[in-house]
Amino acid sequence: MLLKLLLLFTLIPLLELAILIEIGRRIGTAETLVLILGTGALGAYLARRQGLGVLQRIREEIAAGRPPTHTVVDGVIILVAAALLITPGVLTDVLGFLCLVPATRRAIKSLLWRAFTRAIGRGRAQVIDVQTDSWPIDR
């Protein structure tokens, strides 16, 4: 796990920097800075807009007496998208924008669900019954 984190926090920024340098060489420094600022601003706007939509859907689901589980997951993915989009870089921007596309977000939710299900099966995660606020008996 430590190796994965080390790779995440060293290789990704190095790759991002290399890509930005190459873009700067091809289109110019000022244009690259405008690109970075533009994608950040656009991403922040889209994430805010979609995030507010998710909050509205959560309110509606709670008012209807339904647990907003899928909508909360959408909100978390949109929050991750916003963090990726305000991080300067091309790869993070692409990943952030993909998180904002509803079809891609559904695919991400599906992957997360399968990973969570596997973690439960392997005993690395537990589920709490929120109705009784108790831990499973077979801890």
C-alpha atoms as a PDB file:
ATOM      1  CA  MET A   1       0.000   0.000   0.000  1.00  0.00           C
ATOM      2  CA  LEU A   2       2.854   2.353   0.866  1.00  0.00           C
ATOM      3  CA  LEU A   3       4.430   1.736  -2.538  1.00  0.00           C
ATOM      4  CA  LYS A   4       1.148   2.618  -4.268  1.00  0.00           C
ATOM      5  CA  LEU A   5       0.918   5.889  -2.334  1.00  0.00           C
ATOM      6  CA  LEU A   6       4.557   6.687  -3.096  1.00  0.00           C
ATOM      7  CA  LEU A   7       3.918   6.113  -6.794  1.00  0.00           C
ATOM      8  CA  LEU A   8       0.712   8.148  -6.673  1.00  0.00           C
ATOM      9  CA  PHE A   9       2.337  11.155  -5.040  1.00  0.00           C
ATOM     10  CA  THR A  10       5.568  11.115  -7.052  1.00  0.00           C
ATOM     11  CA  LEU A  11       4.934   9.671 -10.495  1.00  0.00           C
ATOM     12  CA  ILE A  12       1.637  11.412 -11.201  1.00  0.00           C
ATOM     13  CA  PRO A  13       2.971  14.928 -10.447  1.00  0.00           C
ATOM     14  CA  LEU A  14       6.116  14.211 -12.481  1.00  0.00           C
ATOM     15  CA  LEU A  15       4.032  12.999 -15.403  1.00  0.00           C
ATOM     16  CA  GLU A  16       1.738  16.029 -15.097  1.00  0.00           C
ATOM     17  CA  LEU A  17       4.740  18.353 -15.075  1.00  0.00           C
ATOM     18  CA  ALA A  18       6.246  16.681 -18.138  1.00  0.00           C
ATOM     19  CA  ILE A  19       2.954  16.992 -20.028  1.00  0.00           C
ATOM     20  CA  LEU A  20       2.558  20.659 -19.075  1.00  0.00           C
ATOM     21  CA  ILE A  21       6.131  21.421 -20.145  1.00  0.00           C
ATOM     22  CA  GLU A  22       5.520  19.732 -23.490  1.00  0.00           C
ATOM     23  CA  ILE A  23       2.248  21.620 -23.989  1.00  0.00           C
ATOM     24  CA  GLY A  24       4.062  24.844 -23.092  1.00  0.00           C
ATOM     25  CA  ARG A  25       6.748  24.088 -25.668  1.00  0.00           C
ATOM     26  CA  ARG A  26       4.137  23.489 -28.363  1.00  0.00           C
ATOM     27  CA  ILE A  27       1.589  26.247 -27.721  1.00  0.00           C
ATOM     28  CA  GLY A  28       3.477  28.683 -25.487  1.00  0.00           C
ATOM     29  CA  THR A  29       3.696  29.484 -21.809  1.00  0.00           C
ATOM     30  CA  ALA A  30       0.890  32.060 -21.672  1.00  0.00           C
ATOM     31  CA  GLU A  31      -1.510  29.790 -23.564  1.00  0.00           C
ATOM     32  CA  THR A  32      -0.650  26.873 -21.267  1.00  0.00           C
ATOM     33  CA  LEU A  33      -1.372  29.015 -18.204  1.00  0.00           C
ATOM     34  CA  VAL A  34      -4.704  30.100 -19.734  1.00  0.00           C
ATOM     35  CA  LEU A  35      -5.489  26.438 -20.410  1.00  0.00           C
ATOM     36  CA  ILE A  36      -4.750  25.509 -16.791  1.00  0.00           C
ATOM     37  CA  LEU A  37      -6.800  28.405 -15.392  1.00  0.00           C
ATOM     38  CA  GLY A  38      -9.621  27.828 -17.869  1.00  0.00           C
ATOM     39  CA  THR A  39     -10.024  24.138 -17.144  1.00  0.00           C
ATOM     40  CA  GLY A  40      -9.852  24.872 -13.410  1.00  0.00           C
ATOM     41  CA  ALA A  41     -12.559  27.538 -13.635  1.00  0.00           C
ATOM     42  CA  LEU A  42     -14.776  25.453 -15.926  1.00  0.00           C
ATOM     43  CA  GLY A  43     -14.331  22.417 -13.725  1.00  0.00           C
ATOM     44  CA  ALA A  44     -15.157  24.357 -10.566  1.00  0.00           C
ATOM     45  CA  TYR A  45     -18.295  25.761 -12.201  1.00  0.00           C
ATOM     46  CA  LEU A  46     -19.471  22.344 -13.431  1.00  0.00           C
ATOM     47  CA  ALA A  47     -18.672  20.624 -10.128  1.00  0.00           C
ATOM     48  CA  ARG A  48     -20.535  23.324  -8.181  1.00  0.00           C
ATOM     49  CA  ARG A  49     -23.539  23.094 -10.486  1.00  0.00           C
ATOM     50  CA  GLN A  50     -23.685  19.301 -10.355  1.00  0.00           C
ATOM     51  CA  GLY A  51     -22.983  19.297  -6.611  1.00  0.00           C
ATOM     52  CA  LEU A  52     -25.934  21.609  -5.977  1.00  0.00           C
ATOM     53  CA  GLY A  53     -28.097  19.299  -8.103  1.00  0.00           C
ATOM     54  CA  VAL A  54     -27.002  16.340  -5.985  1.00  0.00           C
ATOM     55  CA  LEU A  55     -27.849  18.224  -2.775  1.00  0.00           C
ATOM     56  CA  GLN A  56     -31.323  18.918  -4.157  1.00  0.00           C
ATOM     57  CA  ARG A  57     -31.817  15.235  -5.057  1.00  0.00           C
ATOM     58  CA  ILE A  58     -30.659  14.194  -1.576  1.00  0.00           C
ATOM     59  CA  ARG A  59     -33.247  16.519  -0.020  1.00  0.00           C
ATOM     60  CA  GLU A  60     -35.956  15.120  -2.288  1.00  0.00           C
ATOM     61  CA  GLU A  61     -35.057  11.512  -1.503  1.00  0.00           C
ATOM     62  CA  ILE A  62     -34.988  12.152   2.239  1.00  0.00           C
ATOM     63  CA  ALA A  63     -38.332  13.989   2.037  1.00  0.00           C
ATOM     64  CA  ALA A  64     -39.765  10.977   0.197  1.00  0.00           C
ATOM     65  CA  GLY A  65     -38.459   8.654   2.920  1.00  0.00           C
ATOM     66  CA  ARG A  66     -35.857   6.959   0.712  1.00  0.00           C
ATOM     67  CA  PRO A  67     -32.206   6.614   1.711  1.00  0.00           C
ATOM     68  CA  PRO A  68     -30.109   8.714  -0.703  1.00  0.00           C
ATOM     69  CA  THR A  69     -27.314   6.131  -0.986  1.00  0.00           C
ATOM     70  CA  HIS A  70     -26.631   6.343  -4.725  1.00  0.00           C
ATOM     71  CA  THR A  71     -26.998  10.111  -4.697  1.00  0.00           C
ATOM     72  CA  VAL A  72     -24.499  10.444  -1.845  1.00  0.00           C
ATOM     73  CA  VAL A  73     -22.008   8.368  -3.844  1.00  0.00           C
ATOM     74  CA  ASP A  74     -22.611  10.707  -6.803  1.00  0.00           C
ATOM     75  CA  GLY A  75     -21.845  13.619  -4.489  1.00  0.00           C
ATOM     76  CA  VAL A  76     -18.593  12.054  -3.306  1.00  0.00           C
ATOM     77  CA  ILE A  77     -17.489  11.397  -6.908  1.00  0.00           C
ATOM     78  CA  ILE A  78     -18.335  14.998  -7.831  1.00  0.00           C
ATOM     79  CA  LEU A  79     -16.311  16.200  -4.817  1.00  0.00           C
ATOM     80  CA  VAL A  80     -13.347  14.109  -6.011  1.00  0.00           C
ATOM     81  CA  ALA A  81     -13.860  15.578  -9.507  1.00  0.00           C
ATOM     82  CA  ALA A  82     -13.697  19.099  -8.085  1.00  0.00           C
ATOM     83  CA  ALA A  83     -10.445  18.295  -6.254  1.00  0.00           C
ATOM     84  CA  LEU A  84      -8.959  16.837  -9.428  1.00  0.00           C
ATOM     85  CA  LEU A  85     -10.060  19.814 -11.516  1.00  0.00           C
ATOM     86  CA  ILE A  86      -8.542  22.452  -9.243  1.00  0.00           C
ATOM     87  CA  THR A  87      -5.253  20.527  -9.260  1.00  0.00           C
ATOM     88  CA  PRO A  88      -3.149  21.863 -12.132  1.00  0.00           C
ATOM     89  CA  GLY A  89      -2.483  19.202 -14.727  1.00  0.00           C
ATOM     90  CA  VAL A  90      -3.847  17.575 -17.815  1.00  0.00           C
ATOM     91  CA  LEU A  91      -4.326  14.033 -16.465  1.00  0.00           C
ATOM     92  CA  THR A  92      -6.107  15.227 -13.328  1.00  0.00           C
ATOM     93  CA  ASP A  93      -8.339  17.464 -15.457  1.00  0.00           C
ATOM     94  CA  VAL A  94      -9.274  14.574 -17.743  1.00  0.00           C
ATOM     95  CA  LEU A  95     -10.070  12.350 -14.757  1.00  0.00           C
ATOM     96  CA  GLY A  96     -12.020  15.165 -13.104  1.00  0.00           C
ATOM     97  CA  PHE A  97     -14.104  15.858 -16.207  1.00  0.00           C
ATOM     98  CA  LEU A  98     -14.757  12.118 -16.625  1.00  0.00           C
ATOM     99  CA  CYS A  99     -16.128  12.049 -13.064  1.00  0.00           C
ATOM    100  CA  LEU A 100     -18.587  14.791 -14.024  1.00  0.00           C
ATOM    101  CA  VAL A 101     -19.998  12.880 -17.009  1.00  0.00           C
ATOM    102  CA  PRO A 102     -23.064  10.949 -15.742  1.00  0.00           C
ATOM    103  CA  ALA A 103     -22.344   7.825 -17.827  1.00  0.00           C
ATOM    104  CA  THR A 104     -18.752   7.673 -16.627  1.00  0.00           C
ATOM    105  CA  ARG A 105     -19.861   8.351 -13.066  1.00  0.00           C
ATOM    106  CA  ARG A 106     -22.211   5.341 -13.271  1.00  0.00           C
ATOM    107  CA  ALA A 107     -19.290   3.181 -14.393  1.00  0.00           C
ATOM    108  CA  ILE A 108     -17.158   4.504 -11.527  1.00  0.00           C
ATOM    109  CA  LYS A 109     -19.974   3.755  -9.054  1.00  0.00           C
ATOM    110  CA  SER A 110     -20.195   0.231 -10.437  1.00  0.00           C
ATOM    111  CA  LEU A 111     -16.446  -0.287  -9.975  1.00  0.00           C
ATOM    112  CA  LEU A 112     -16.606   1.114  -6.439  1.00  0.00           C
ATOM    113  CA  TRP A 113     -19.553  -1.158  -5.604  1.00  0.00           C
ATOM    114  CA  ARG A 114     -17.672  -4.247  -6.807  1.00  0.00           C
ATOM    115  CA  ALA A 115     -14.556  -3.237  -4.852  1.00  0.00           C
ATOM    116  CA  PHE A 116     -16.641  -2.622  -1.727  1.00  0.00           C
ATOM    117  CA  THR A 117     -18.409  -5.965  -2.123  1.00  0.00           C
ATOM    118  CA  ARG A 118     -15.040  -7.745  -2.461  1.00  0.00           C
ATOM    119  CA  ALA A 119     -13.716  -5.935   0.625  1.00  0.00           C
ATOM    120  CA  ILE A 120     -16.733  -7.099   2.634  1.00  0.00           C
ATOM    121  CA  GLY A 121     -16.253 -10.655   1.365  1.00  0.00           C
ATOM    122  CA  ARG A 122     -12.595 -10.605   2.425  1.00  0.00           C
ATOM    123  CA  GLY A 123     -13.417  -9.148   5.840  1.00  0.00           C
ATOM    124  CA  ARG A 124     -11.645  -5.833   5.156  1.00  0.00           C
ATOM    125  CA  ALA A 125     -14.883  -3.831   5.510  1.00  0.00           C
ATOM    126  CA  GLN A 126     -17.997  -4.101   7.637  1.00  0.00           C
ATOM    127  CA  VAL A 127     -21.522  -2.845   7.243  1.00  0.00           C
ATOM    128  CA  ILE A 128     -23.438  -1.240  10.090  1.00  0.00           C
ATOM    129  CA  ASP A 129     -27.209  -1.585  10.255  1.00  0.00           C
ATOM    130  CA  VAL A 130     -28.260   2.065  10.473  1.00  0.00           C
ATOM    131  CA  GLN A 131     -31.775   1.117  11.523  1.00  0.00           C
ATOM    132  CA  THR A 132     -30.537  -0.437  14.772  1.00  0.00           C
ATOM    133  CA  ASP A 133     -27.193   1.432  14.880  1.00  0.00           C
ATOM    134  CA  SER A 134     -25.453  -1.815  15.770  1.00  0.00           C
ATOM    135  CA  TRP A 135     -22.448  -3.691  14.511  1.00  0.00           C
ATOM    136  CA  PRO A 136     -22.922  -7.091  12.925  1.00  0.00           C
ATOM    137  CA  ILE A 137     -23.019  -9.827  15.556  1.00  0.00           C
ATOM    138  CA  ASP A 138     -20.241 -11.928  14.030  1.00  0.00           C
ATOM    139  CA  ARG A 139     -17.437  -9.394  14.577  1.00  0.00           C
END
